[in-house]
Amino acid sequence: MRRRDEIIIVPVGHIASIVADGELLYLSTLKNERHAITYRLKDLEARLDPSRFIRLGRGTLANVDLITKVNVMPGGTHVALLSNGQKLQVSRLQSRLLRERFLKL
C-alpha cells in the first residue's frame, strides 16, 4: 500500500476484508486498521488464494479464516462476523456458496 511518503506492507494473512466503495478499495486488517487502495477488486481477487478469501457480495472479499459467525437475515441474506469485529453483508447468491463451503469443512 502506498501513501504519499511511505509504502505500508500488509502481509496477506493479516488481511481481514477488502470492501469496494466507489473508486477505492478499503482493506481492513486483523487489528481493524483500515487502508484505502486504488485497485480493481476483480484484479486483486485473482491474485489472492481462493481457498483463503471468499467473495461475500459484489464488492466484498473476506478472509475465510477470520469468519467467526454467520447470522441469517430476513430475505435469505446473511451477515458474516469477523474476528476483528467487522460485520459484512453477504448477498443471497454468496450466502448459498458460503453455506456450502462451511458445510464441507
Protein backbone atom coordinates (compact mmCIF):
# COMPACT_ATOMS: atom_id res chain seq x y z
CA MET A 1 0.00 0.00 0.00
CA ARG A 2 1.41 3.38 -0.88
CA ARG A 3 0.89 6.65 0.91
CA ARG A 4 2.40 9.92 -0.24
CA ASP A 5 5.72 9.40 1.51
CA GLU A 6 5.67 5.75 2.53
CA ILE A 7 4.73 2.25 1.49
CA ILE A 8 2.83 0.14 4.01
CA ILE A 9 3.35 -3.60 3.76
CA VAL A 10 0.42 -5.72 4.91
CA PRO A 11 1.02 -9.49 4.85
CA VAL A 12 -1.79 -11.34 3.08
CA GLY A 13 -2.50 -13.34 6.25
CA HIS A 14 -3.25 -10.09 8.10
CA ILE A 15 -5.96 -9.01 5.65
CA ALA A 16 -9.42 -9.45 7.16
CA SER A 17 -11.50 -7.97 4.36
CA ILE A 18 -11.45 -5.88 1.23
CA VAL A 19 -14.52 -3.75 0.53
CA ALA A 20 -15.12 -1.64 -2.57
CA ASP A 21 -16.55 1.84 -2.12
CA GLY A 22 -16.70 3.86 -5.31
CA GLU A 23 -13.28 4.08 -6.94
CA LEU A 24 -11.42 2.90 -3.83
CA LEU A 25 -10.95 -0.40 -2.04
CA TYR A 26 -10.76 -0.41 1.74
CA LEU A 27 -8.53 -3.10 3.14
CA SER A 28 -9.14 -3.98 6.81
CA THR A 29 -6.59 -5.88 8.86
CA LEU A 30 -6.70 -8.28 11.81
CA LYS A 31 -6.16 -5.30 14.13
CA ASN A 32 -9.01 -3.46 12.38
CA GLU A 33 -6.67 -0.97 10.71
CA ARG A 34 -8.21 0.40 7.52
CA HIS A 35 -6.26 1.36 4.41
CA ALA A 36 -7.59 2.83 1.15
CA ILE A 37 -6.07 1.47 -2.03
CA THR A 38 -6.69 2.16 -5.71
CA TYR A 39 -7.03 -1.23 -7.30
CA ARG A 40 -9.79 -3.17 -9.01
CA LEU A 41 -11.39 -5.77 -6.76
CA LYS A 42 -11.57 -8.28 -9.61
CA ASP A 43 -7.81 -7.96 -10.23
CA LEU A 44 -6.96 -8.24 -6.54
CA GLU A 45 -9.25 -11.24 -6.11
CA ALA A 46 -7.42 -13.02 -8.96
CA ARG A 47 -4.13 -12.59 -7.08
CA LEU A 48 -5.43 -13.89 -3.74
CA ASP A 49 -5.64 -17.57 -2.81
CA PRO A 50 -9.27 -18.66 -3.39
CA SER A 51 -9.00 -21.17 -0.53
CA ARG A 52 -8.34 -18.27 1.88
CA PHE A 53 -10.56 -15.49 0.52
CA ILE A 54 -14.22 -15.68 -0.36
CA ARG A 55 -16.43 -13.18 -2.11
CA LEU A 56 -19.34 -12.18 0.13
CA GLY A 57 -21.01 -9.87 -2.35
CA ARG A 58 -20.37 -7.79 -5.42
CA GLY A 59 -17.85 -5.55 -3.69
CA THR A 60 -16.62 -7.57 -0.72
CA LEU A 61 -13.93 -10.18 -0.11
CA ALA A 62 -13.25 -11.73 3.30
CA ASN A 63 -10.55 -13.90 4.81
CA VAL A 64 -12.29 -17.25 5.42
CA ASP A 65 -10.11 -17.99 8.48
CA LEU A 66 -11.40 -14.87 10.22
CA ILE A 67 -15.14 -15.52 9.81
CA THR A 68 -16.32 -16.43 13.30
CA LYS A 69 -20.08 -16.46 12.77
CA VAL A 70 -22.66 -16.08 10.04
CA ASN A 71 -26.08 -14.71 11.01
CA VAL A 72 -29.14 -15.43 8.90
CA MET A 73 -31.10 -12.30 7.99
CA PRO A 74 -34.65 -11.93 6.65
CA GLY A 75 -34.89 -12.35 2.89
CA GLY A 76 -32.24 -15.05 2.55
CA THR A 77 -29.16 -12.90 3.08
CA HIS A 78 -26.57 -13.28 5.81
CA VAL A 79 -24.16 -11.15 7.81
CA ALA A 80 -20.65 -12.50 8.38
CA LEU A 81 -18.91 -11.55 11.63
CA LEU A 82 -15.12 -11.44 11.53
CA SER A 83 -12.73 -11.87 14.44
CA ASN A 84 -11.69 -8.19 14.12
CA GLY A 85 -15.28 -7.12 14.89
CA GLN A 86 -16.33 -6.34 11.32
CA LYS A 87 -19.84 -7.17 10.16
CA LEU A 88 -20.11 -7.74 6.42
CA GLN A 89 -23.26 -8.21 4.36
CA VAL A 90 -23.42 -11.41 2.34
CA SER A 91 -25.50 -11.42 -0.86
CA ARG A 92 -28.21 -14.04 -1.36
CA LEU A 93 -26.17 -15.86 -4.02
CA GLN A 94 -22.96 -15.77 -2.00
CA SER A 95 -24.87 -16.88 1.13
CA ARG A 96 -25.60 -20.19 -0.57
CA LEU A 97 -21.96 -20.59 -1.65
CA LEU A 98 -20.75 -19.64 1.83
CA ARG A 99 -23.03 -22.24 3.44
CA GLU A 100 -21.80 -24.92 1.03
CA ARG A 101 -18.19 -24.03 1.73
CA PHE A 102 -18.53 -24.13 5.51
CA LEU A 103 -20.59 -27.32 5.46
CA LYS A 104 -17.73 -29.03 3.58
CA LEU A 105 -15.19 -28.15 6.30
